[in-house]
């Protein structure tokens, strides 16, 4: 591990230098012109904190309860596909690192390791990220496998019924290498284009089996596990999700990789949190790079955050040890931010930690 690797940004810098250019284009590439991806960071960068002093921190703790389980720190590993692109052990390396620091991990439908193998290696709580398949039978098969393997929740990604326009990835000519494939859905048929000459395949086949609210309600009737919807940015969709029986919402714009010019996840969080009003837990995904980012997300209504791209960066640089180190850095930064804003427990983190200029005097 490079001795000057002391932040998430350092891991990103080293990962870019070590990975093939086309793989980096896939990992780092944004949708279209990259506005949303950039706004994800700018939203955090432009938000200031209100420092507070002399708080008694003797009982300080980062713990909270989520879906009845103790969460050591409100940071989770996000679902990230194809992790063997950056490390030969892929998700097995990631779960080893996450387990070592008691951080929960979400395993992608598009993982490059079977979900059962990840569960066998895990010593931490696992969630399973679900892409609805073309048939309900195929979808339910994945859910039953996750249940049998001991996964604690199902996270349904709903904001990518088709891939975003990823020009950076296209220009680099990225293709999955032979040793990396989505092994959990081997043999499961995907959408088939019906487009003729000069026609776009988007409305001609790719959306024939796209999930709807009816599918969410069906899934709710088929499993007792908590269900979270990932990819909510609009308050009306959050309301519909609750009405459909989901147990949690991941406010996310897919890291800016699907529809460009969506708002930053942090900006969407505040609107969604206002509408949800604490009825279900909210988790923020997108743009987290510092412990102060975690604090800001919790201040605006999230119960936890998800970390995606930085996990790939850490895996590429130092494997499981890199994941351990990265997550330890983020936790230490978060704890320092709590201390310096006068928050001894995560329940103390409210909008009061955000700087609001006092009114003029006189």
Protein backbone atom coordinates (compact mmCIF):
# COMPACT_ATOMS: atom_id res chain seq x y z
CA UNK A 1 0.00 0.00 0.00
CA UNK A 2 1.53 3.35 -1.01
CA UNK A 3 2.60 5.28 2.10
CA UNK A 4 0.99 8.49 0.85
CA UNK A 5 -2.41 6.81 0.35
CA UNK A 6 -4.24 8.57 3.17
CA UNK A 7 -7.62 9.47 1.67
CA UNK A 8 -10.22 8.19 -0.77
CA UNK A 9 -8.87 10.61 -3.36
CA UNK A 10 -5.42 9.05 -3.06
CA UNK A 11 -6.85 5.60 -3.75
CA UNK A 12 -8.61 6.98 -6.82
CA UNK A 13 -5.37 8.49 -8.11
CA UNK A 14 -3.41 5.27 -7.68
CA UNK A 15 -6.20 3.12 -9.13
CA UNK A 16 -6.34 5.18 -12.29
CA UNK A 17 -2.59 4.75 -12.75
CA UNK A 18 -2.75 0.98 -12.26
CA UNK A 19 -5.82 -0.04 -14.25
CA UNK A 20 -6.10 -0.41 -18.04
CA UNK A 21 -7.54 2.69 -19.69
CA UNK A 22 -10.71 0.95 -20.88
CA UNK A 23 -11.42 -0.52 -17.43
CA UNK A 24 -10.91 2.89 -15.87
CA UNK A 25 -13.34 4.38 -18.41
CA UNK A 26 -15.96 1.84 -17.31
CA UNK A 27 -15.39 2.40 -13.59
CA UNK A 28 -15.11 6.18 -13.63
CA UNK A 29 -17.17 7.02 -16.68
CA UNK A 30 -20.30 9.10 -16.20
CA UNK A 31 -23.46 9.27 -18.24
CA UNK A 32 -23.35 11.54 -21.28
CA UNK A 33 -21.57 14.81 -20.38
CA UNK A 34 -21.03 13.99 -16.71
CA UNK A 35 -23.01 16.86 -15.19
CA UNK A 36 -24.77 14.72 -12.58
CA UNK A 37 -21.58 12.96 -11.56
CA UNK A 38 -19.88 16.32 -11.06
CA UNK A 39 -22.87 17.75 -9.18
CA UNK A 40 -22.75 14.79 -6.79
CA UNK A 41 -19.41 16.05 -5.55
CA UNK A 42 -20.15 19.75 -5.79
CA UNK A 43 -23.23 19.36 -3.58
CA UNK A 44 -21.01 18.11 -0.75
CA UNK A 45 -18.22 20.57 -1.47
CA UNK A 46 -20.56 23.56 -1.39
CA UNK A 47 -22.18 22.63 1.93
CA UNK A 48 -20.47 24.10 4.99
CA UNK A 49 -20.44 22.75 8.52
CA UNK A 50 -21.02 24.58 11.79
CA UNK A 51 -18.22 23.75 14.20
CA UNK A 52 -19.16 23.41 17.86
CA UNK A 53 -16.91 23.14 20.91
CA UNK A 54 -16.63 21.69 24.41
CA UNK A 55 -19.08 18.81 23.92
CA UNK A 56 -18.68 15.88 26.32
CA UNK A 57 -17.61 12.99 24.05
CA UNK A 58 -16.99 10.34 26.72
CA UNK A 59 -19.94 8.25 25.48
CA UNK A 60 -19.39 8.96 21.79
CA UNK A 61 -20.52 6.26 19.36
CA UNK A 62 -21.15 5.79 15.65
CA UNK A 63 -23.62 2.93 16.20
CA UNK A 64 -27.25 2.89 15.18
CA UNK A 65 -29.94 0.27 14.57
CA UNK A 66 -31.14 -0.40 11.03
CA UNK A 67 -33.87 -2.97 10.32
CA UNK A 68 -33.41 -4.38 13.80
CA UNK A 69 -29.66 -4.96 13.47
CA UNK A 70 -26.83 -3.01 15.09
CA UNK A 71 -24.91 -1.02 12.50
CA UNK A 72 -21.42 -0.24 13.78
CA UNK A 73 -20.97 2.79 11.55
CA UNK A 74 -23.53 4.30 9.12
CA UNK A 75 -21.43 3.39 6.08
CA UNK A 76 -22.32 0.46 3.80
CA UNK A 77 -20.60 -0.98 0.75
CA UNK A 78 -22.78 -0.23 -2.26
CA UNK A 79 -23.60 -2.83 -4.91
CA UNK A 80 -20.86 -2.66 -7.54
CA UNK A 81 -20.79 -4.99 -10.54
CA UNK A 82 -17.90 -6.96 -12.02
CA UNK A 83 -15.36 -6.52 -9.24
CA UNK A 84 -12.96 -9.02 -10.82
CA UNK A 85 -12.15 -6.22 -13.24
CA UNK A 86 -9.96 -4.69 -10.54
CA UNK A 87 -8.91 -7.67 -8.39
CA UNK A 88 -8.63 -11.39 -9.20
CA UNK A 89 -10.78 -12.35 -6.19
CA UNK A 90 -13.40 -9.72 -6.92
CA UNK A 91 -16.25 -9.61 -4.42
CA UNK A 92 -14.51 -12.15 -2.18
CA UNK A 93 -11.72 -9.65 -1.60
CA UNK A 94 -14.21 -6.86 -0.95
CA UNK A 95 -16.24 -8.85 1.57
CA UNK A 96 -13.06 -9.89 3.38
CA UNK A 97 -12.15 -6.24 3.81
CA UNK A 98 -15.64 -5.15 4.81
CA UNK A 99 -15.96 -8.00 7.31
CA UNK A 100 -12.69 -7.05 9.00
CA UNK A 101 -14.13 -3.66 9.96
CA UNK A 102 -17.75 -4.80 10.50
CA UNK A 103 -19.14 -2.82 7.57
CA UNK A 104 -22.23 -4.21 5.84
CA UNK A 105 -21.93 -5.04 2.15
CA UNK A 106 -24.46 -5.10 -0.69
CA UNK A 107 -23.75 -7.74 -3.34
CA UNK A 108 -24.74 -6.99 -6.92
CA UNK A 109 -26.80 -9.21 -9.20
CA UNK A 110 -23.94 -8.55 -11.64
CA UNK A 111 -21.24 -9.72 -9.23
CA UNK A 112 -18.40 -11.71 -10.75
CA UNK A 113 -18.63 -14.25 -7.88
CA UNK A 114 -21.68 -16.34 -7.03
CA UNK A 115 -23.76 -14.80 -4.27
CA UNK A 116 -23.51 -18.02 -2.23
CA UNK A 117 -19.70 -17.89 -2.30
CA UNK A 118 -19.71 -14.30 -1.07
CA UNK A 119 -22.05 -15.27 1.76
CA UNK A 120 -19.81 -18.17 2.79
CA UNK A 121 -16.82 -15.82 3.00
CA UNK A 122 -18.66 -13.03 4.80
CA UNK A 123 -18.44 -12.23 8.48
CA UNK A 124 -20.66 -9.20 8.23
CA UNK A 125 -24.27 -8.48 7.30
CA UNK A 126 -24.99 -8.83 3.58
CA UNK A 127 -27.74 -7.32 1.46
CA UNK A 128 -28.51 -8.51 -2.06
CA UNK A 129 -28.99 -6.00 -4.86
CA UNK A 130 -31.61 -7.20 -7.33
CA UNK A 131 -32.07 -6.31 -10.96
CA UNK A 132 -35.52 -7.50 -11.95
CA UNK A 133 -35.13 -10.13 -14.67
CA UNK A 134 -37.16 -10.62 -17.84
CA UNK A 135 -39.41 -13.17 -16.11
CA UNK A 136 -40.75 -13.26 -12.58
CA UNK A 137 -39.51 -16.84 -12.31
CA UNK A 138 -35.91 -15.74 -12.91
CA UNK A 139 -36.29 -12.84 -10.49
CA UNK A 140 -37.76 -15.03 -7.78
CA UNK A 141 -34.96 -17.59 -8.25
CA UNK A 142 -32.41 -14.90 -7.34
CA UNK A 143 -34.43 -13.84 -4.31
CA UNK A 144 -34.77 -17.41 -3.07
CA UNK A 145 -31.03 -17.96 -3.46
CA UNK A 146 -30.34 -14.80 -1.45
CA UNK A 147 -32.76 -15.88 1.27
CA UNK A 148 -31.19 -19.33 1.49
CA UNK A 149 -27.69 -17.86 1.67
CA UNK A 150 -28.60 -15.62 4.62
CA UNK A 151 -28.83 -12.20 3.01
CA UNK A 152 -30.62 -9.76 5.29
CA UNK A 153 -32.38 -7.49 2.77
CA UNK A 154 -33.17 -7.09 -0.91
CA UNK A 155 -32.15 -3.84 -2.60
CA UNK A 156 -34.02 -3.44 -5.89
CA UNK A 157 -32.34 -1.09 -8.34
CA UNK A 158 -35.13 0.74 -10.19
CA UNK A 159 -33.38 3.58 -12.02
CA UNK A 160 -31.66 1.64 -14.81
CA UNK A 161 -34.22 -0.22 -16.94
CA UNK A 162 -31.84 0.64 -19.78
CA UNK A 163 -28.20 1.63 -19.63
CA UNK A 164 -27.35 5.28 -19.65
CA UNK A 165 -25.53 6.92 -22.53
CA UNK A 166 -21.92 6.34 -21.45
CA UNK A 167 -19.81 8.10 -24.06
CA UNK A 168 -16.54 7.85 -22.11
CA UNK A 169 -16.93 4.09 -21.93
CA UNK A 170 -17.90 3.94 -25.62
CA UNK A 171 -14.89 5.97 -26.73
CA UNK A 172 -12.56 3.66 -24.77
CA UNK A 173 -14.09 0.59 -26.42
CA UNK A 174 -14.73 -1.17 -23.12
CA UNK A 175 -15.88 -4.80 -23.22
CA UNK A 176 -15.98 -7.30 -20.37
CA UNK A 177 -12.93 -9.57 -20.61
CA UNK A 178 -13.53 -13.35 -20.79
CA UNK A 179 -12.65 -13.93 -17.11
CA UNK A 180 -15.30 -11.49 -15.87
CA UNK A 181 -18.96 -12.30 -16.28
CA UNK A 182 -22.20 -11.94 -14.26
CA UNK A 183 -22.12 -15.50 -12.92
CA UNK A 184 -25.33 -15.16 -10.88
CA UNK A 185 -27.43 -14.85 -14.04
CA UNK A 186 -25.53 -17.21 -16.32
CA UNK A 187 -28.00 -18.63 -18.81
CA UNK A 188 -30.77 -16.17 -17.94
CA UNK A 189 -32.04 -14.55 -21.16
CA UNK A 190 -31.93 -10.78 -21.31
CA UNK A 191 -33.90 -8.32 -23.44
CA UNK A 192 -33.78 -8.84 -27.19
CA UNK A 193 -33.81 -5.99 -29.67
CA UNK A 194 -36.67 -5.85 -32.16
CA UNK A 195 -35.28 -2.80 -33.92
CA UNK A 196 -35.22 -2.76 -37.67
CA UNK A 197 -32.86 -0.78 -39.92
CA UNK A 198 -32.62 2.80 -38.72
CA UNK A 199 -34.65 2.15 -35.57
CA UNK A 200 -33.47 2.58 -31.98
CA UNK A 201 -33.60 -0.57 -29.83
CA UNK A 202 -34.70 1.36 -26.73
CA UNK A 203 -38.44 1.15 -27.45
CA UNK A 204 -37.99 -1.89 -29.68
CA UNK A 205 -37.18 -4.66 -27.24
CA UNK A 206 -34.97 -3.29 -24.47
CA UNK A 207 -37.93 -2.13 -22.39
CA UNK A 208 -40.28 -5.02 -23.13
CA UNK A 209 -39.77 -6.50 -19.65
CA UNK A 210 -38.84 -3.35 -17.69
CA UNK A 211 -40.18 -3.56 -14.12
CA UNK A 212 -43.18 -1.55 -12.96
CA UNK A 213 -44.78 -0.74 -9.61
CA UNK A 214 -46.83 -3.90 -10.00
CA UNK A 215 -43.61 -5.92 -9.94
CA UNK A 216 -42.52 -4.22 -6.72
CA UNK A 217 -45.85 -5.08 -5.13
CA UNK A 218 -45.55 -8.66 -6.37
CA UNK A 219 -42.05 -8.97 -4.92
CA UNK A 220 -43.29 -7.59 -1.59
CA UNK A 221 -45.79 -10.46 -1.48
CA UNK A 222 -43.08 -13.05 -2.19
CA UNK A 223 -40.46 -12.36 0.49
CA UNK A 224 -40.37 -11.49 4.17
CA UNK A 225 -36.98 -9.81 3.86
CA UNK A 226 -36.84 -6.01 4.04
CA UNK A 227 -37.06 -4.49 0.56
CA UNK A 228 -35.34 -1.23 -0.33
CA UNK A 229 -35.72 0.58 -3.65
CA UNK A 230 -32.47 2.05 -4.96
CA UNK A 231 -32.59 4.90 -7.43
CA UNK A 232 -35.29 7.18 -5.99
CA UNK A 233 -34.76 10.92 -6.49
CA UNK A 234 -38.34 12.24 -6.74
CA UNK A 235 -40.53 12.66 -3.64
CA UNK A 236 -43.58 11.34 -5.52
CA UNK A 237 -41.74 8.08 -6.25
CA UNK A 238 -40.76 7.85 -2.59
CA UNK A 239 -44.42 8.16 -1.64
CA UNK A 240 -45.40 5.48 -4.15
CA UNK A 241 -42.65 3.21 -2.84
CA UNK A 242 -43.99 3.42 0.70
CA UNK A 243 -47.50 2.73 -0.57
CA UNK A 244 -46.12 -0.37 -2.33
CA UNK A 245 -44.85 -1.73 0.97
CA UNK A 246 -41.10 -1.17 0.72
CA UNK A 247 -39.11 -0.95 3.93
CA UNK A 248 -36.45 1.56 2.88
CA UNK A 249 -35.28 3.88 0.11
CA UNK A 250 -31.83 4.44 -1.33
CA UNK A 251 -31.72 7.98 -2.69
CA UNK A 252 -29.43 7.60 -5.68
CA UNK A 253 -28.85 8.81 -9.22
CA UNK A 254 -26.77 5.72 -10.04
CA UNK A 255 -23.58 7.68 -9.54
CA UNK A 256 -24.45 9.89 -12.48
CA UNK A 257 -24.13 6.90 -14.82
CA UNK A 258 -27.69 6.67 -16.17
CA UNK A 259 -29.67 9.86 -16.87
CA UNK A 260 -27.38 12.87 -17.00
CA UNK A 261 -28.55 16.19 -15.48
CA UNK A 262 -30.47 14.49 -12.69
CA UNK A 263 -29.94 16.44 -9.46
CA UNK A 264 -27.14 15.53 -7.11
CA UNK A 265 -28.11 12.73 -4.75
CA UNK A 266 -27.56 15.03 -1.77
CA UNK A 267 -29.93 17.63 -3.22
CA UNK A 268 -32.58 14.98 -3.89
CA UNK A 269 -32.18 13.60 -0.37
CA UNK A 270 -33.51 16.70 1.32
CA UNK A 271 -36.68 16.73 -0.79
CA UNK A 272 -37.27 13.00 -0.35
CA UNK A 273 -36.62 13.17 3.41
CA UNK A 274 -39.16 15.96 3.79
CA UNK A 275 -41.84 13.86 2.05
CA UNK A 276 -40.99 10.58 3.77
CA UNK A 277 -40.90 12.23 7.21
CA UNK A 278 -39.22 9.29 8.91
CA UNK A 279 -41.69 6.61 7.82
CA UNK A 280 -38.94 4.42 6.35
CA UNK A 281 -35.13 4.63 6.57
CA UNK A 282 -33.31 6.57 3.86
CA UNK A 283 -29.83 5.73 2.61
CA UNK A 284 -27.79 8.06 0.42
CA UNK A 285 -25.70 6.79 -2.49
CA UNK A 286 -23.51 8.93 -4.70
CA UNK A 287 -20.45 11.11 -4.31
CA UNK A 288 -19.29 10.13 -0.81
CA UNK A 289 -15.54 10.63 -0.51
CA UNK A 290 -15.00 12.01 3.00
CA UNK A 291 -16.24 11.43 6.53
CA UNK A 292 -17.66 14.95 6.44
CA UNK A 293 -19.83 13.82 3.51
CA UNK A 294 -21.31 11.11 5.72
CA UNK A 295 -22.11 13.71 8.38
CA UNK A 296 -23.80 16.00 5.84
CA UNK A 297 -25.92 13.16 4.46
CA UNK A 298 -27.12 12.23 7.95
CA UNK A 299 -27.84 15.88 8.70
CA UNK A 300 -30.23 15.98 5.74
CA UNK A 301 -32.14 12.88 6.74
CA UNK A 302 -30.19 9.76 5.74
CA UNK A 303 -29.74 6.95 8.24
CA UNK A 304 -26.63 5.70 6.43
CA UNK A 305 -24.65 6.10 3.22
CA UNK A 306 -23.36 3.71 0.56
CA UNK A 307 -19.82 3.75 -0.83
CA UNK A 308 -19.35 2.42 -4.37
CA UNK A 309 -16.53 3.61 -6.62
CA UNK A 310 -14.02 4.13 -3.78
CA UNK A 311 -14.29 0.42 -2.94
CA UNK A 312 -13.15 -0.45 -6.47
CA UNK A 313 -10.30 2.02 -6.16
CA UNK A 314 -9.14 0.44 -2.90
CA UNK A 315 -9.43 -3.09 -4.32
CA UNK A 316 -7.36 -2.11 -7.34
CA UNK A 317 -4.59 -0.62 -5.21
CA UNK A 318 -4.31 -2.99 -2.25
CA UNK A 319 -7.03 -5.67 -2.34
CA UNK A 320 -8.78 -6.48 0.95
CA UNK A 321 -6.20 -4.49 2.92
CA UNK A 322 -7.04 -1.48 0.80
CA UNK A 323 -10.75 -1.88 1.56
CA UNK A 324 -9.99 -2.15 5.29
CA UNK A 325 -7.80 0.94 5.14
CA UNK A 326 -10.26 3.00 3.10
CA UNK A 327 -13.21 2.19 5.36
CA UNK A 328 -11.08 2.88 8.44
CA UNK A 329 -10.11 6.26 7.01
CA UNK A 330 -13.73 7.18 6.31
CA UNK A 331 -14.83 6.11 9.78
CA UNK A 332 -12.03 8.10 11.44
CA UNK A 333 -12.93 11.16 9.37
CA UNK A 334 -16.59 10.75 10.28
CA UNK A 335 -15.78 10.45 13.98
CA UNK A 336 -13.61 13.57 13.82
CA UNK A 337 -16.42 15.44 12.06
CA UNK A 338 -18.88 14.35 14.74
CA UNK A 339 -16.55 15.52 17.50
CA UNK A 340 -15.87 18.87 15.86
CA UNK A 341 -19.57 19.59 15.31
CA UNK A 342 -20.54 18.58 18.85
CA UNK A 343 -22.30 15.30 18.05
CA UNK A 344 -21.59 12.48 20.49
CA UNK A 345 -24.02 10.05 18.83
CA UNK A 346 -25.41 9.68 15.33
CA UNK A 347 -28.83 10.63 16.68
CA UNK A 348 -27.39 14.05 17.53
CA UNK A 349 -26.66 14.77 13.86
CA UNK A 350 -29.34 17.16 12.62
CA UNK A 351 -29.48 20.19 10.35
CA UNK A 352 -27.89 22.11 13.22
CA UNK A 353 -24.48 20.82 12.11
CA UNK A 354 -24.86 22.72 8.81
CA UNK A 355 -23.69 26.31 8.66
CA UNK A 356 -26.49 28.81 8.22
CA UNK A 357 -25.15 32.38 8.24
CA UNK A 358 -26.63 34.39 11.10
CA UNK A 359 -28.76 37.38 10.16
CA UNK A 360 -27.13 40.76 9.95
CA UNK A 361 -26.98 42.75 13.16
CA UNK A 362 -28.50 46.19 13.57
